[in-house]
Amino acid sequence: MVGPEAVYFLVVDKELDYLELDFGAAADMRLFLMTWNDGYPLCVGSAVPEGTLILRGFPAGIYFLEVDGLTAGEYSFTIHCFEATPTPIYSPTRTTTPATPTRTPTTTPASRRMFLPLMKRSR
């Protein structure tokens, strides 16, 4: 592709362990990964020619890739996505511990109301 600027959309449906962008360009160009935050564009990361951008713990969302440079030229980029592996959920196993009575009585602390000192703030 040839051109001073191009925009591509990237829709990520699930959280990713990491997202890798490999960028190659003959001219002085940059690859920007952008998203929206409160109605404003936000740069998540960028890559230089013959560079790689790796983002770990990448959240689901709608992103766009922008290729921009001072001069027109050919470029290419590759996207590698690695899905987050779900954490296994283990069911607890029930264990029983036999109760052993004590020979001497033990006291259980009763709850009581406590008042903390009032601290005035100076103005």
C-alpha atoms as a PDB file:
ATOM      1  CA  MET A   1       0.000   0.000   0.000  1.00  0.00           C
ATOM      2  CA  VAL A   2       1.166   3.488  -0.738  1.00  0.00           C
ATOM      3  CA  GLY A   3      -0.064   6.616   1.000  1.00  0.00           C
ATOM      4  CA  PRO A   4       0.761   9.164   3.675  1.00  0.00           C
ATOM      5  CA  GLU A   5      -1.981   8.003   6.037  1.00  0.00           C
ATOM      6  CA  ALA A   6      -4.330   5.048   6.408  1.00  0.00           C
ATOM      7  CA  VAL A   7      -6.637   3.872   9.211  1.00  0.00           C
ATOM      8  CA  TYR A   8      -7.719   0.296   9.973  1.00  0.00           C
ATOM      9  CA  PHE A   9     -10.192  -0.888  12.608  1.00  0.00           C
ATOM     10  CA  LEU A  10      -9.439  -3.744  14.988  1.00  0.00           C
ATOM     11  CA  VAL A  11     -12.238  -5.337  17.043  1.00  0.00           C
ATOM     12  CA  VAL A  12     -11.048  -7.452  19.981  1.00  0.00           C
ATOM     13  CA  ASP A  13     -13.907  -9.604  21.331  1.00  0.00           C
ATOM     14  CA  LYS A  14     -12.074 -11.167  24.287  1.00  0.00           C
ATOM     15  CA  GLU A  15      -9.235 -10.238  26.600  1.00  0.00           C
ATOM     16  CA  LEU A  16      -5.894 -11.298  25.149  1.00  0.00           C
ATOM     17  CA  ASP A  17      -2.785 -12.535  26.932  1.00  0.00           C
ATOM     18  CA  TYR A  18      -0.945 -10.302  24.525  1.00  0.00           C
ATOM     19  CA  LEU A  19      -1.251  -8.543  21.197  1.00  0.00           C
ATOM     20  CA  GLU A  20       1.794  -8.292  18.934  1.00  0.00           C
ATOM     21  CA  LEU A  21       2.085  -5.894  15.991  1.00  0.00           C
ATOM     22  CA  ASP A  22       5.012  -6.297  13.575  1.00  0.00           C
ATOM     23  CA  PHE A  23       5.543  -3.244  11.361  1.00  0.00           C
ATOM     24  CA  GLY A  24       7.677  -2.855   8.282  1.00  0.00           C
ATOM     25  CA  ALA A  25       8.028   0.283   6.140  1.00  0.00           C
ATOM     26  CA  ALA A  26      10.415   1.542   3.495  1.00  0.00           C
ATOM     27  CA  ALA A  27       9.840   5.214   4.378  1.00  0.00           C
ATOM     28  CA  ASP A  28       9.964   7.072   7.690  1.00  0.00           C
ATOM     29  CA  MET A  29       6.536   5.986   8.930  1.00  0.00           C
ATOM     30  CA  ARG A  30       4.925   4.959  12.223  1.00  0.00           C
ATOM     31  CA  LEU A  31       2.160   2.533  13.194  1.00  0.00           C
ATOM     32  CA  PHE A  32      -0.096   3.830  15.982  1.00  0.00           C
ATOM     33  CA  LEU A  33      -2.582   1.725  17.964  1.00  0.00           C
ATOM     34  CA  MET A  34      -5.390   4.015  19.138  1.00  0.00           C
ATOM     35  CA  THR A  35      -8.625   3.779  21.120  1.00  0.00           C
ATOM     36  CA  TRP A  36     -11.247   6.209  22.430  1.00  0.00           C
ATOM     37  CA  ASN A  37     -11.326   7.431  26.023  1.00  0.00           C
ATOM     38  CA  ASP A  38     -14.179   9.741  27.080  1.00  0.00           C
ATOM     39  CA  GLY A  39     -14.657  10.897  23.485  1.00  0.00           C
ATOM     40  CA  TYR A  40     -10.966  11.596  22.844  1.00  0.00           C
ATOM     41  CA  PRO A  41      -8.453   9.499  20.913  1.00  0.00           C
ATOM     42  CA  LEU A  42      -5.874   7.775  23.095  1.00  0.00           C
ATOM     43  CA  CYS A  43      -2.615   6.283  21.798  1.00  0.00           C
ATOM     44  CA  VAL A  44      -2.118   2.822  23.305  1.00  0.00           C
ATOM     45  CA  GLY A  45       1.236   2.239  21.629  1.00  0.00           C
ATOM     46  CA  SER A  46       3.291   2.760  18.488  1.00  0.00           C
ATOM     47  CA  ALA A  47       5.882   0.958  16.385  1.00  0.00           C
ATOM     48  CA  VAL A  48       8.694   2.272  14.193  1.00  0.00           C
ATOM     49  CA  PRO A  49       9.684   0.722  10.843  1.00  0.00           C
ATOM     50  CA  GLU A  50      11.015  -2.810  11.273  1.00  0.00           C
ATOM     51  CA  GLY A  51       9.766  -2.703  14.864  1.00  0.00           C
ATOM     52  CA  THR A  52       7.432  -4.738  17.046  1.00  0.00           C
ATOM     53  CA  LEU A  53       4.847  -3.543  19.545  1.00  0.00           C
ATOM     54  CA  ILE A  54       3.844  -6.067  22.231  1.00  0.00           C
ATOM     55  CA  LEU A  55       1.028  -5.318  24.664  1.00  0.00           C
ATOM     56  CA  ARG A  56       0.340  -7.754  27.519  1.00  0.00           C
ATOM     57  CA  GLY A  57      -3.037  -8.189  29.231  1.00  0.00           C
ATOM     58  CA  PHE A  58      -4.780  -6.538  26.292  1.00  0.00           C
ATOM     59  CA  PRO A  59      -8.471  -5.765  27.074  1.00  0.00           C
ATOM     60  CA  ALA A  60     -11.383  -6.352  24.714  1.00  0.00           C
ATOM     61  CA  GLY A  61     -12.589  -3.295  22.815  1.00  0.00           C
ATOM     62  CA  ILE A  62     -12.605  -1.432  19.531  1.00  0.00           C
ATOM     63  CA  TYR A  63      -9.246  -0.084  18.403  1.00  0.00           C
ATOM     64  CA  PHE A  64      -7.902   1.472  15.265  1.00  0.00           C
ATOM     65  CA  LEU A  65      -4.494   1.245  13.653  1.00  0.00           C
ATOM     66  CA  GLU A  66      -3.122   4.351  11.972  1.00  0.00           C
ATOM     67  CA  VAL A  67      -0.147   4.364   9.633  1.00  0.00           C
ATOM     68  CA  ASP A  68       1.319   7.838   9.224  1.00  0.00           C
ATOM     69  CA  GLY A  69       4.542   9.357   8.013  1.00  0.00           C
ATOM     70  CA  LEU A  70       6.167  12.402   6.523  1.00  0.00           C
ATOM     71  CA  THR A  71       6.400  10.809   3.099  1.00  0.00           C
ATOM     72  CA  ALA A  72       4.394   8.256   1.182  1.00  0.00           C
ATOM     73  CA  GLY A  73       5.769   4.750   0.977  1.00  0.00           C
ATOM     74  CA  GLU A  74       5.055   1.072   1.105  1.00  0.00           C
ATOM     75  CA  TYR A  75       4.412  -0.597   4.434  1.00  0.00           C
ATOM     76  CA  SER A  76       3.083  -3.808   5.918  1.00  0.00           C
ATOM     77  CA  PHE A  77       2.020  -4.951   9.340  1.00  0.00           C
ATOM     78  CA  THR A  78       1.120  -8.263  10.913  1.00  0.00           C
ATOM     79  CA  ILE A  79      -1.146  -8.789  13.910  1.00  0.00           C
ATOM     80  CA  HIS A  80      -0.645 -11.737  16.267  1.00  0.00           C
ATOM     81  CA  CYS A  81      -3.325 -12.294  18.928  1.00  0.00           C
ATOM     82  CA  PHE A  82      -3.013 -14.756  21.790  1.00  0.00           C
ATOM     83  CA  GLU A  83      -6.208 -15.366  23.747  1.00  0.00           C
ATOM     84  CA  ALA A  84      -6.134 -15.258  27.522  1.00  0.00           C
ATOM     85  CA  THR A  85      -6.364 -18.711  29.019  1.00  0.00           C
ATOM     86  CA  PRO A  86      -9.171 -18.993  31.550  1.00  0.00           C
ATOM     87  CA  THR A  87      -8.147 -19.609  35.123  1.00  0.00           C
ATOM     88  CA  PRO A  88      -9.421 -22.999  36.275  1.00  0.00           C
ATOM     89  CA  ILE A  89     -11.928 -22.875  39.108  1.00  0.00           C
ATOM     90  CA  TYR A  90     -11.358 -25.494  41.735  1.00  0.00           C
ATOM     91  CA  SER A  91     -14.081 -26.731  44.044  1.00  0.00           C
ATOM     92  CA  PRO A  92     -12.993 -26.789  47.659  1.00  0.00           C
ATOM     93  CA  THR A  93     -12.977 -30.159  49.337  1.00  0.00           C
ATOM     94  CA  ARG A  94     -14.660 -30.426  52.685  1.00  0.00           C
ATOM     95  CA  THR A  95     -12.453 -31.483  55.550  1.00  0.00           C
ATOM     96  CA  THR A  96     -13.697 -32.094  59.039  1.00  0.00           C
ATOM     97  CA  THR A  97     -11.661 -31.397  62.122  1.00  0.00           C
ATOM     98  CA  PRO A  98     -12.901 -33.027  65.303  1.00  0.00           C
ATOM     99  CA  ALA A  99     -13.650 -30.564  68.099  1.00  0.00           C
ATOM    100  CA  THR A 100     -11.605 -31.042  71.226  1.00  0.00           C
ATOM    101  CA  PRO A 101     -13.139 -29.668  74.401  1.00  0.00           C
ATOM    102  CA  THR A 102     -10.958 -27.632  76.756  1.00  0.00           C
ATOM    103  CA  ARG A 103     -10.835 -28.442  80.459  1.00  0.00           C
ATOM    104  CA  THR A 104     -10.664 -24.828  81.585  1.00  0.00           C
ATOM    105  CA  PRO A 105     -13.269 -22.245  80.676  1.00  0.00           C
ATOM    106  CA  THR A 106     -12.212 -19.694  78.069  1.00  0.00           C
ATOM    107  CA  THR A 107     -13.634 -16.214  77.748  1.00  0.00           C
ATOM    108  CA  THR A 108     -14.947 -14.863  74.523  1.00  0.00           C
ATOM    109  CA  PRO A 109     -14.354 -11.138  74.094  1.00  0.00           C
ATOM    110  CA  ALA A 110     -17.649  -9.300  73.956  1.00  0.00           C
ATOM    111  CA  SER A 111     -18.092  -6.524  71.476  1.00  0.00           C
ATOM    112  CA  ARG A 112     -18.112  -3.088  73.002  1.00  0.00           C
ATOM    113  CA  ARG A 113     -18.592   0.392  71.713  1.00  0.00           C
ATOM    114  CA  MET A 114     -15.443   2.454  71.327  1.00  0.00           C
ATOM    115  CA  PHE A 115     -15.266   6.192  70.855  1.00  0.00           C
ATOM    116  CA  LEU A 116     -12.376   7.628  68.926  1.00  0.00           C
ATOM    117  CA  PRO A 117     -11.086  11.129  69.734  1.00  0.00           C
ATOM    118  CA  LEU A 118     -12.400  13.965  67.620  1.00  0.00           C
ATOM    119  CA  MET A 119      -9.690  15.643  65.618  1.00  0.00           C
ATOM    120  CA  LYS A 120     -10.388  19.121  64.368  1.00  0.00           C
ATOM    121  CA  ARG A 121      -8.985  20.249  61.074  1.00  0.00           C
ATOM    122  CA  SER A 122      -7.241  23.607  60.946  1.00  0.00           C
ATOM    123  CA  ARG A 123      -8.295  25.953  58.161  1.00  0.00           C
END
